[in-house]
Amino acid sequence: GGQLQRLALARAFYRNAPILILDEATSALDSENEEN
């Protein structure tokens, strides 16, 4: 689940659209990865 969310974030970084929607975007990450 955490890797899925990081890939979704990679897609958002790559897309770089002017409007960004984050829906509990770090909910599946452990504390170390969430901080990063």
Full PDB file with SEQRES, HELIX, SHEET, SSBOND, CRYST1, ORIGX, SCALE, CONECT and MASTER records, all heavy atoms in Angstrom:
SEQRES   1 A   36  GLY GLY GLN LEU GLN ARG LEU ALA LEU ALA ARG ALA PHE          
SEQRES   2 A   36  TYR ARG ASN ALA PRO ILE LEU ILE LEU ASP GLU ALA THR          
SEQRES   3 A   36  SER ALA LEU ASP SER GLU ASN GLU GLU ASN                      
HELIX    1 AA1 GLY A    2  ARG A   15  1                                  14    
HELIX    2 AA2 SER A   31  GLU A   35  1                                   5    
CRYST1    1.000    1.000    1.000  90.00  90.00  90.00 P 1           1          
ORIGX1      1.000000  0.000000  0.000000        0.00000                         
ORIGX2      0.000000  1.000000  0.000000        0.00000                         
ORIGX3      0.000000  0.000000  1.000000        0.00000                         
SCALE1      1.000000  0.000000  0.000000        0.00000                         
SCALE2      0.000000  1.000000  0.000000        0.00000                         
SCALE3      0.000000  0.000000  1.000000        0.00000                         
ATOM      1  N   GLY A   1       0.817  -1.214   0.000  1.00  0.00           N  
ATOM      2  CA  GLY A   1       0.000   0.000   0.000  1.00  0.00           C  
ATOM      3  C   GLY A   1       0.848   1.260   0.000  1.00  0.00           C  
ATOM      4  O   GLY A   1       0.554   2.227  -0.707  1.00  0.00           O  
ATOM      5  N   GLY A   2       1.923   1.253   0.792  1.00  0.00           N  
ATOM      6  CA  GLY A   2       2.812   2.407   0.834  1.00  0.00           C  
ATOM      7  C   GLY A   2       3.523   2.633  -0.490  1.00  0.00           C  
ATOM      8  O   GLY A   2       3.698   3.776  -0.929  1.00  0.00           O  
ATOM      9  N   GLN A   3       3.920   1.547  -1.148  1.00  0.00           N  
ATOM     10  CA  GLN A   3       4.568   1.664  -2.457  1.00  0.00           C  
ATOM     11  C   GLN A   3       3.588   2.166  -3.509  1.00  0.00           C  
ATOM     12  O   GLN A   3       3.950   2.966  -4.379  1.00  0.00           O  
ATOM     13  CB  GLN A   3       5.158   0.314  -2.854  1.00  0.00           C  
ATOM     14  CG  GLN A   3       6.374  -0.083  -2.016  1.00  0.00           C  
ATOM     15  CD  GLN A   3       6.794  -1.525  -2.211  1.00  0.00           C  
ATOM     16  OE1 GLN A   3       6.005  -2.358  -2.665  1.00  0.00           O  
ATOM     17  NE2 GLN A   3       8.025  -1.835  -1.863  1.00  0.00           N  
ATOM     18  N   LEU A   4       2.327   1.732  -3.397  1.00  0.00           N  
ATOM     19  CA  LEU A   4       1.293   2.238  -4.309  1.00  0.00           C  
ATOM     20  C   LEU A   4       1.157   3.753  -4.185  1.00  0.00           C  
ATOM     21  O   LEU A   4       1.093   4.469  -5.190  1.00  0.00           O  
ATOM     22  CB  LEU A   4      -0.062   1.586  -3.981  1.00  0.00           C  
ATOM     23  CG  LEU A   4      -0.405   0.257  -4.626  1.00  0.00           C  
ATOM     24  CD1 LEU A   4      -1.690  -0.295  -4.035  1.00  0.00           C  
ATOM     25  CD2 LEU A   4      -0.547   0.405  -6.129  1.00  0.00           C  
ATOM     26  N   GLN A   5       1.123   4.244  -2.937  1.00  0.00           N  
ATOM     27  CA  GLN A   5       0.965   5.689  -2.749  1.00  0.00           C  
ATOM     28  C   GLN A   5       2.180   6.446  -3.260  1.00  0.00           C  
ATOM     29  O   GLN A   5       2.052   7.533  -3.826  1.00  0.00           O  
ATOM     30  CB  GLN A   5       0.705   6.005  -1.275  1.00  0.00           C  
ATOM     31  CG  GLN A   5      -0.744   5.740  -0.872  1.00  0.00           C  
ATOM     32  CD  GLN A   5      -1.127   6.403   0.431  1.00  0.00           C  
ATOM     33  OE1 GLN A   5      -0.339   6.469   1.365  1.00  0.00           O  
ATOM     34  NE2 GLN A   5      -2.352   6.899   0.500  1.00  0.00           N  
ATOM     35  N   ARG A   6       3.364   5.876  -3.093  1.00  0.00           N  
ATOM     36  CA  ARG A   6       4.559   6.552  -3.608  1.00  0.00           C  
ATOM     37  C   ARG A   6       4.563   6.594  -5.132  1.00  0.00           C  
ATOM     38  O   ARG A   6       4.991   7.583  -5.740  1.00  0.00           O  
ATOM     39  CB  ARG A   6       5.821   5.871  -3.074  1.00  0.00           C  
ATOM     40  CG  ARG A   6       6.154   6.326  -1.649  1.00  0.00           C  
ATOM     41  CD  ARG A   6       7.436   5.703  -1.143  1.00  0.00           C  
ATOM     42  NE  ARG A   6       7.195   4.383  -0.590  1.00  0.00           N  
ATOM     43  CZ  ARG A   6       8.147   3.514  -0.286  1.00  0.00           C  
ATOM     44  NH1 ARG A   6       9.414   3.807  -0.525  1.00  0.00           N  
ATOM     45  NH2 ARG A   6       7.854   2.344   0.233  1.00  0.00           N  
ATOM     46  N   LEU A   7       4.049   5.541  -5.764  1.00  0.00           N  
ATOM     47  CA  LEU A   7       3.939   5.561  -7.226  1.00  0.00           C  
ATOM     48  C   LEU A   7       2.905   6.581  -7.682  1.00  0.00           C  
ATOM     49  O   LEU A   7       3.087   7.251  -8.708  1.00  0.00           O  
ATOM     50  CB  LEU A   7       3.576   4.173  -7.744  1.00  0.00           C  
ATOM     51  CG  LEU A   7       4.697   3.131  -7.703  1.00  0.00           C  
ATOM     52  CD1 LEU A   7       4.162   1.746  -8.044  1.00  0.00           C  
ATOM     53  CD2 LEU A   7       5.836   3.502  -8.643  1.00  0.00           C  
ATOM     54  N   ALA A   8       1.814   6.715  -6.931  1.00  0.00           N  
ATOM     55  CA  ALA A   8       0.814   7.739  -7.261  1.00  0.00           C  
ATOM     56  C   ALA A   8       1.418   9.136  -7.113  1.00  0.00           C  
ATOM     57  O   ALA A   8       1.128  10.043  -7.905  1.00  0.00           O  
ATOM     58  CB  ALA A   8      -0.404   7.586  -6.357  1.00  0.00           C  
ATOM     59  N   LEU A   9       2.272   9.314  -6.102  1.00  0.00           N  
ATOM     60  CA  LEU A   9       2.965  10.594  -5.938  1.00  0.00           C  
ATOM     61  C   LEU A   9       3.948  10.828  -7.084  1.00  0.00           C  
ATOM     62  O   LEU A   9       4.059  11.950  -7.596  1.00  0.00           O  
ATOM     63  CB  LEU A   9       3.705  10.628  -4.601  1.00  0.00           C  
ATOM     64  CG  LEU A   9       2.830  10.895  -3.377  1.00  0.00           C  
ATOM     65  CD1 LEU A   9       3.568  10.517  -2.096  1.00  0.00           C  
ATOM     66  CD2 LEU A   9       2.414  12.353  -3.315  1.00  0.00           C  
ATOM     67  N   ALA A  10       4.632   9.769  -7.514  1.00  0.00           N  
ATOM     68  CA  ALA A  10       5.548   9.895  -8.655  1.00  0.00           C  
ATOM     69  C   ALA A  10       4.785  10.362  -9.888  1.00  0.00           C  
ATOM     70  O   ALA A  10       5.254  11.214 -10.651  1.00  0.00           O  
ATOM     71  CB  ALA A  10       6.238   8.559  -8.927  1.00  0.00           C  
ATOM     72  N   ARG A  11       3.598   9.818 -10.080  1.00  0.00           N  
ATOM     73  CA  ARG A  11       2.752  10.226 -11.210  1.00  0.00           C  
ATOM     74  C   ARG A  11       2.405  11.715 -11.104  1.00  0.00           C  
ATOM     75  O   ARG A  11       2.420  12.440 -12.098  1.00  0.00           O  
ATOM     76  CB  ARG A  11       1.485   9.377 -11.220  1.00  0.00           C  
ATOM     77  CG  ARG A  11       0.589   9.601 -12.413  1.00  0.00           C  
ATOM     78  CD  ARG A  11      -0.686   8.776 -12.268  1.00  0.00           C  
ATOM     79  NE  ARG A  11      -0.448   7.360 -12.443  1.00  0.00           N  
ATOM     80  CZ  ARG A  11      -1.348   6.413 -12.168  1.00  0.00           C  
ATOM     81  NH1 ARG A  11      -2.526   6.744 -11.684  1.00  0.00           N  
ATOM     82  NH2 ARG A  11      -1.069   5.148 -12.363  1.00  0.00           N  
ATOM     83  N   ALA A  12       2.098  12.176  -9.888  1.00  0.00           N  
ATOM     84  CA  ALA A  12       1.756  13.590  -9.695  1.00  0.00           C  
ATOM     85  C   ALA A  12       2.960  14.488  -9.928  1.00  0.00           C  
ATOM     86  O   ALA A  12       2.845  15.563 -10.522  1.00  0.00           O  
ATOM     87  CB  ALA A  12       1.200  13.801  -8.290  1.00  0.00           C  
ATOM     88  N   PHE A  13       4.147  14.070  -9.447  1.00  0.00           N  
ATOM     89  CA  PHE A  13       5.358  14.845  -9.704  1.00  0.00           C  
ATOM     90  C   PHE A  13       5.618  14.941 -11.201  1.00  0.00           C  
ATOM     91  O   PHE A  13       5.962  16.010 -11.727  1.00  0.00           O  
ATOM     92  CB  PHE A  13       6.570  14.202  -9.021  1.00  0.00           C  
ATOM     93  CG  PHE A  13       6.735  14.578  -7.566  1.00  0.00           C  
ATOM     94  CD1 PHE A  13       6.509  13.651  -6.561  1.00  0.00           C  
ATOM     95  CD2 PHE A  13       7.144  15.850  -7.200  1.00  0.00           C  
ATOM     96  CE1 PHE A  13       6.665  13.984  -5.225  1.00  0.00           C  
ATOM     97  CE2 PHE A  13       7.303  16.202  -5.873  1.00  0.00           C  
ATOM     98  CZ  PHE A  13       7.064  15.261  -4.881  1.00  0.00           C  
ATOM     99  N   TYR A  14       5.458  13.826 -11.890  1.00  0.00           N  
ATOM    100  CA  TYR A  14       5.715  13.792 -13.333  1.00  0.00           C  
ATOM    101  C   TYR A  14       4.703  14.633 -14.100  1.00  0.00           C  
ATOM    102  O   TYR A  14       5.044  15.354 -15.033  1.00  0.00           O  
ATOM    103  CB  TYR A  14       5.674  12.338 -13.810  1.00  0.00           C  
ATOM    104  CG  TYR A  14       6.019  12.152 -15.266  1.00  0.00           C  
ATOM    105  CD1 TYR A  14       7.288  12.457 -15.752  1.00  0.00           C  
ATOM    106  CD2 TYR A  14       5.079  11.655 -16.164  1.00  0.00           C  
ATOM    107  CE1 TYR A  14       7.609  12.290 -17.083  1.00  0.00           C  
ATOM    108  CE2 TYR A  14       5.384  11.476 -17.500  1.00  0.00           C  
ATOM    109  CZ  TYR A  14       6.657  11.788 -17.955  1.00  0.00           C  
ATOM    110  OH  TYR A  14       6.971  11.622 -19.283  1.00  0.00           O  
ATOM    111  N   ARG A  15       3.451  14.562 -13.670  1.00  0.00           N  
ATOM    112  CA  ARG A  15       2.374  15.299 -14.338  1.00  0.00           C  
ATOM    113  C   ARG A  15       2.535  16.807 -14.160  1.00  0.00           C  
ATOM    114  O   ARG A  15       2.347  17.577 -15.099  1.00  0.00           O  
ATOM    115  CB  ARG A  15       1.031  14.835 -13.783  1.00  0.00           C  
ATOM    116  CG  ARG A  15      -0.181  15.367 -14.506  1.00  0.00           C  
ATOM    117  CD  ARG A  15      -1.445  14.693 -13.979  1.00  0.00           C  
ATOM    118  NE  ARG A  15      -2.632  15.161 -14.657  1.00  0.00           N  
ATOM    119  CZ  ARG A  15      -3.035  14.774 -15.847  1.00  0.00           C  
ATOM    120  NH1 ARG A  15      -2.293  13.907 -16.506  1.00  0.00           N  
ATOM    121  NH2 ARG A  15      -4.123  15.243 -16.397  1.00  0.00           N  
ATOM    122  N   ASN A  16       2.825  17.240 -12.919  1.00  0.00           N  
ATOM    123  CA  ASN A  16       3.124  18.644 -12.631  1.00  0.00           C  
ATOM    124  C   ASN A  16       1.996  19.600 -13.002  1.00  0.00           C  
ATOM    125  O   ASN A  16       2.233  20.743 -13.398  1.00  0.00           O  
ATOM    126  CB  ASN A  16       4.423  19.065 -13.352  1.00  0.00           C  
ATOM    127  CG  ASN A  16       4.985  20.363 -12.808  1.00  0.00           C  
ATOM    128  OD1 ASN A  16       4.935  20.609 -11.602  1.00  0.00           O  
ATOM    129  ND2 ASN A  16       5.524  21.192 -13.672  1.00  0.00           N  
ATOM    130  N   ALA A  17       0.746  19.147 -12.870  1.00  0.00           N  
ATOM    131  CA  ALA A  17      -0.400  19.988 -13.228  1.00  0.00           C  
ATOM    132  C   ALA A  17      -0.580  21.116 -12.205  1.00  0.00           C  
ATOM    133  O   ALA A  17      -0.179  20.986 -11.050  1.00  0.00           O  
ATOM    134  CB  ALA A  17      -1.662  19.139 -13.299  1.00  0.00           C  
ATOM    135  N   PRO A  18      -1.193  22.241 -12.606  1.00  0.00           N  
ATOM    136  CA  PRO A  18      -1.307  23.403 -11.720  1.00  0.00           C  
ATOM    137  C   PRO A  18      -2.286  23.229 -10.566  1.00  0.00           C  
ATOM    138  O   PRO A  18      -2.223  23.962  -9.583  1.00  0.00           O  
ATOM    139  CB  PRO A  18      -1.761  24.522 -12.652  1.00  0.00           C  
ATOM    140  CG  PRO A  18      -2.401  23.829 -13.807  1.00  0.00           C  
ATOM    141  CD  PRO A  18      -1.654  22.546 -13.980  1.00  0.00           C  
ATOM    142  N   ILE A  19      -3.224  22.277 -10.668  1.00  0.00           N  
ATOM    143  CA  ILE A  19      -4.169  22.003  -9.588  1.00  0.00           C  
ATOM    144  C   ILE A  19      -3.850  20.618  -9.038  1.00  0.00           C  
ATOM    145  O   ILE A  19      -3.769  19.634  -9.792  1.00  0.00           O  
ATOM    146  CB  ILE A  19      -5.624  22.068 -10.076  1.00  0.00           C  
ATOM    147  CG1 ILE A  19      -5.940  23.467 -10.619  1.00  0.00           C  
ATOM    148  CG2 ILE A  19      -6.596  21.705  -8.955  1.00  0.00           C  
ATOM    149  CD1 ILE A  19      -7.282  23.568 -11.329  1.00  0.00           C  
ATOM    150  N   LEU A  20      -3.672  20.530  -7.733  1.00  0.00           N  
ATOM    151  CA  LEU A  20      -3.253  19.282  -7.087  1.00  0.00           C  
ATOM    152  C   LEU A  20      -4.274  18.891  -6.025  1.00  0.00           C  
ATOM    153  O   LEU A  20      -4.668  19.719  -5.198  1.00  0.00           O  
ATOM    154  CB  LEU A  20      -1.877  19.470  -6.452  1.00  0.00           C  
ATOM    155  CG  LEU A  20      -1.306  18.323  -5.635  1.00  0.00           C  
ATOM    156  CD1 LEU A  20      -1.038  17.108  -6.518  1.00  0.00           C  
ATOM    157  CD2 LEU A  20      -0.022  18.759  -4.926  1.00  0.00           C  
ATOM    158  N   ILE A  21      -4.689  17.630  -6.044  1.00  0.00           N  
ATOM    159  CA  ILE A  21      -5.621  17.102  -5.045  1.00  0.00           C  
ATOM    160  C   ILE A  21      -4.936  15.974  -4.285  1.00  0.00           C  
ATOM    161  O   ILE A  21      -4.504  14.985  -4.889  1.00  0.00           O  
ATOM    162  CB  ILE A  21      -6.911  16.596  -5.709  1.00  0.00           C  
ATOM    163  CG1 ILE A  21      -7.636  17.754  -6.409  1.00  0.00           C  
ATOM    164  CG2 ILE A  21      -7.833  15.947  -4.679  1.00  0.00           C  
ATOM    165  CD1 ILE A  21      -8.783  17.317  -7.301  1.00  0.00           C  
ATOM    166  N   LEU A  22      -4.826  16.135  -2.966  1.00  0.00           N  
ATOM    167  CA  LEU A  22      -4.200  15.129  -2.109  1.00  0.00           C  
ATOM    168  C   LEU A  22      -5.274  14.566  -1.178  1.00  0.00           C  
ATOM    169  O   LEU A  22      -5.747  15.259  -0.278  1.00  0.00           O  
ATOM    170  CB  LEU A  22      -3.062  15.759  -1.293  1.00  0.00           C  
ATOM    171  CG  LEU A  22      -1.943  16.434  -2.098  1.00  0.00           C  
ATOM    172  CD1 LEU A  22      -0.993  17.168  -1.152  1.00  0.00           C  
ATOM    173  CD2 LEU A  22      -1.190  15.414  -2.929  1.00  0.00           C  
ATOM    174  N   ASP A  23      -5.651  13.326  -1.401  1.00  0.00           N  
ATOM    175  CA  ASP A  23      -6.715  12.687  -0.624  1.00  0.00           C  
ATOM    176  C   ASP A  23      -6.081  11.683   0.340  1.00  0.00           C  
ATOM    177  O   ASP A  23      -5.837  10.531  -0.033  1.00  0.00           O  
ATOM    178  CB  ASP A  23      -7.692  11.993  -1.565  1.00  0.00           C  
ATOM    179  CG  ASP A  23      -8.898  11.416  -0.828  1.00  0.00           C  
ATOM    180  OD1 ASP A  23      -8.944  11.513   0.410  1.00  0.00           O  
ATOM    181  OD2 ASP A  23      -9.793  10.868  -1.502  1.00  0.00           O  
ATOM    182  N   GLU A  24      -5.795  12.139   1.579  1.00  0.00           N  
ATOM    183  CA  GLU A  24      -5.117  11.286   2.558  1.00  0.00           C  
ATOM    184  C   GLU A  24      -3.905  10.631   1.899  1.00  0.00           C  
ATOM    185  O   GLU A  24      -3.686   9.418   1.988  1.00  0.00           O  
ATOM    186  CB  GLU A  24      -6.071  10.218   3.099  1.00  0.00           C  
ATOM    187  CG  GLU A  24      -7.240  10.766   3.891  1.00  0.00           C  
ATOM    188  CD  GLU A  24      -6.905  11.076   5.343  1.00  0.00           C  
ATOM    189  OE1 GLU A  24      -5.725  10.972   5.714  1.00  0.00           O  
ATOM    190  OE2 GLU A  24      -7.832  11.418   6.102  1.00  0.00           O  
ATOM    191  N   ALA A  25      -3.070  11.457   1.265  1.00  0.00           N  
ATOM    192  CA  ALA A  25      -2.042  10.951   0.356  1.00  0.00           C  
ATOM    193  C   ALA A  25      -0.900  10.216   1.034  1.00  0.00           C  
ATOM    194  O   ALA A  25      -0.087   9.587   0.361  1.00  0.00           O  
ATOM    195  CB  ALA A  25      -1.479  12.114  -0.472  1.00  0.00           C  
ATOM    196  N   THR A  26      -0.801  10.287   2.357  1.00  0.00           N  
ATOM    197  CA  THR A  26       0.278   9.573   3.052  1.00  0.00           C  
ATOM    198  C   THR A  26      -0.274   8.551   4.045  1.00  0.00           C  
ATOM    199  O   THR A  26       0.453   8.066   4.897  1.00  0.00           O  
ATOM    200  CB  THR A  26       1.187  10.565   3.802  1.00  0.00           C  
ATOM    201  OG1 THR A  26       0.427  11.262   4.796  1.00  0.00           O  
ATOM    202  CG2 THR A  26       1.809  11.569   2.858  1.00  0.00           C  
ATOM    203  N   SER A  27      -1.552   8.186   3.904  1.00  0.00           N  
ATOM    204  CA  SER A  27      -2.198   7.348   4.914  1.00  0.00           C  
ATOM    205  C   SER A  27      -1.607   5.946   5.008  1.00  0.00           C  
ATOM    206  O   SER A  27      -1.687   5.303   6.061  1.00  0.00           O  
ATOM    207  CB  SER A  27      -3.700   7.254   4.635  1.00  0.00           C  
ATOM    208  OG  SER A  27      -3.936   6.661   3.368  1.00  0.00           O  
ATOM    209  N   ALA A  28      -1.004   5.433   3.922  1.00  0.00           N  
ATOM    210  CA  ALA A  28      -0.479   4.064   3.934  1.00  0.00           C  
ATOM    211  C   ALA A  28       1.028   4.009   4.166  1.00  0.00           C  
ATOM    212  O   ALA A  28       1.630   2.947   4.065  1.00  0.00           O  
ATOM    213  CB  ALA A  28      -0.826   3.363   2.615  1.00  0.00           C  
ATOM    214  N   LEU A  29       1.641   5.137   4.493  1.00  0.00           N  
ATOM    215  CA  LEU A  29       3.093   5.182   4.670  1.00  0.00           C  
ATOM    216  C   LEU A  29       3.476   5.024   6.131  1.00  0.00           C  
ATOM    217  O   LEU A  29       2.762   5.487   7.018  1.00  0.00           O  
ATOM    218  CB  LEU A  29       3.646   6.514   4.135  1.00  0.00           C  
ATOM    219  CG  LEU A  29       3.379   6.826   2.660  1.00  0.00           C  
ATOM    220  CD1 LEU A  29       3.873   8.218   2.334  1.00  0.00           C  
ATOM    221  CD2 LEU A  29       4.061   5.803   1.766  1.00  0.00           C  
ATOM    222  N   ASP A  30       4.619   4.384   6.370  1.00  0.00           N  
ATOM    223  CA  ASP A  30       5.138   4.344   7.738  1.00  0.00           C  
ATOM    224  C   ASP A  30       5.723   5.709   8.086  1.00  0.00           C  
ATOM    225  O   ASP A  30       5.878   6.578   7.226  1.00  0.00           O  
ATOM    226  CB  ASP A  30       6.179   3.229   7.913  1.00  0.00           C  
ATOM    227  CG  ASP A  30       7.348   3.356   6.932  1.00  0.00           C  
ATOM    228  OD1 ASP A  30       7.867   4.477   6.751  1.00  0.00           O  
ATOM    229  OD2 ASP A  30       7.742   2.335   6.364  1.00  0.00           O  
ATOM    230  N   SER A  31       6.067   5.920   9.371  1.00  0.00           N  
ATOM    231  CA  SER A  31       6.454   7.254   9.832  1.00  0.00           C  
ATOM    232  C   SER A  31       7.720   7.756   9.142  1.00  0.00           C  
ATOM    233  O   SER A  31       7.827   8.943   8.821  1.00  0.00           O  
ATOM    234  CB  SER A  31       6.651   7.252  11.349  1.00  0.00           C  
ATOM    235  OG  SER A  31       7.613   6.281  11.725  1.00  0.00           O  
ATOM    236  N   GLU A  32       8.682   6.876   8.864  1.00  0.00           N  
ATOM    237  CA  GLU A  32       9.931   7.311   8.223  1.00  0.00           C  
ATOM    238  C   GLU A  32       9.674   7.771   6.801  1.00  0.00           C  
ATOM    239  O   GLU A  32      10.101   8.845   6.384  1.00  0.00           O  
ATOM    240  CB  GLU A  32      10.954   6.170   8.220  1.00  0.00           C  
ATOM    241  CG  GLU A  32      12.281   6.565   7.568  1.00  0.00           C  
ATOM    242  CD  GLU A  32      13.290   5.430   7.553  1.00  0.00           C  
ATOM    243  OE1 GLU A  32      12.983   4.349   8.109  1.00  0.00           O  
ATOM    244  OE2 GLU A  32      14.375   5.627   7.001  1.00  0.00           O  
ATOM    245  N   ASN A  33       8.932   6.958   6.030  1.00  0.00           N  
ATOM    246  CA  ASN A  33       8.632   7.341   4.652  1.00  0.00           C  
ATOM    247  C   ASN A  33       7.703   8.542   4.601  1.00  0.00           C  
ATOM    248  O   ASN A  33       7.812   9.375   3.708  1.00  0.00           O  
ATOM    249  CB  ASN A  33       8.011   6.157   3.904  1.00  0.00           C  
ATOM    250  CG  ASN A  33       9.055   5.169   3.425  1.00  0.00           C  
ATOM    251  OD1 ASN A  33      10.073   5.553   2.870  1.00  0.00           O  
ATOM    252  ND2 ASN A  33       8.815   3.888   3.661  1.00  0.00           N  
ATOM    253  N   GLU A  34       6.778   8.646   5.576  1.00  0.00           N  
ATOM    254  CA  GLU A  34       5.861   9.782   5.591  1.00  0.00           C  
ATOM    255  C   GLU A  34       6.628  11.083   5.756  1.00  0.00           C  
ATOM    256  O   GLU A  34       6.348  12.074   5.082  1.00  0.00           O  
ATOM    257  CB  GLU A  34       4.831   9.632   6.712  1.00  0.00           C  
ATOM    258  CG  GLU A  34       3.791  10.748   6.691  1.00  0.00           C  
ATOM    259  CD  GLU A  34       2.674  10.531   7.699  1.00  0.00           C  
ATOM    260  OE1 GLU A  34       2.880   9.778   8.663  1.00  0.00           O  
ATOM    261  OE2 GLU A  34       1.609  11.132   7.515  1.00  0.00           O  
ATOM    262  N   GLU A  35       7.637  11.084   6.619  1.00  0.00           N  
ATOM    263  CA  GLU A  35       8.438  12.294   6.823  1.00  0.00           C  
ATOM    264  C   GLU A  35       9.176  12.671   5.546  1.00  0.00           C  
ATOM    265  O   GLU A  35       9.226  13.840   5.154  1.00  0.00           O  
ATOM    266  CB  GLU A  35       9.424  12.084   7.965  1.00  0.00           C  
ATOM    267  CG  GLU A  35      10.227  13.341   8.294  1.00  0.00           C  
ATOM    268  CD  GLU A  35      11.150  13.151   9.493  1.00  0.00           C  
ATOM    269  OE1 GLU A  35      11.117  12.064  10.109  1.00  0.00           O  
ATOM    270  OE2 GLU A  35      11.895  14.089   9.806  1.00  0.00           O  
ATOM    271  N   ASN A  36       9.750  11.669   4.859  1.00  0.00           N  
ATOM    272  CA  ASN A  36      10.447  11.935   3.601  1.00  0.00           C  
ATOM    273  C   ASN A  36       9.494  12.497   2.552  1.00  0.00           C  
ATOM    274  O   ASN A  36       9.816  13.456   1.844  1.00  0.00           O  
ATOM    275  CB  ASN A  36      11.090  10.649   3.070  1.00  0.00           C  
ATOM    276  CG  ASN A  36      12.273  10.203   3.905  1.00  0.00           C  
ATOM    277  OD1 ASN A  36      12.940  11.021   4.549  1.00  0.00           O  
ATOM    278  ND2 ASN A  36      12.547   8.910   3.915  1.00  0.00           N  
TER     279      ASN A  36                                                      
MASTER        0    0    0    2    0    0    0    6  278    1    0    3          
END                                                                             
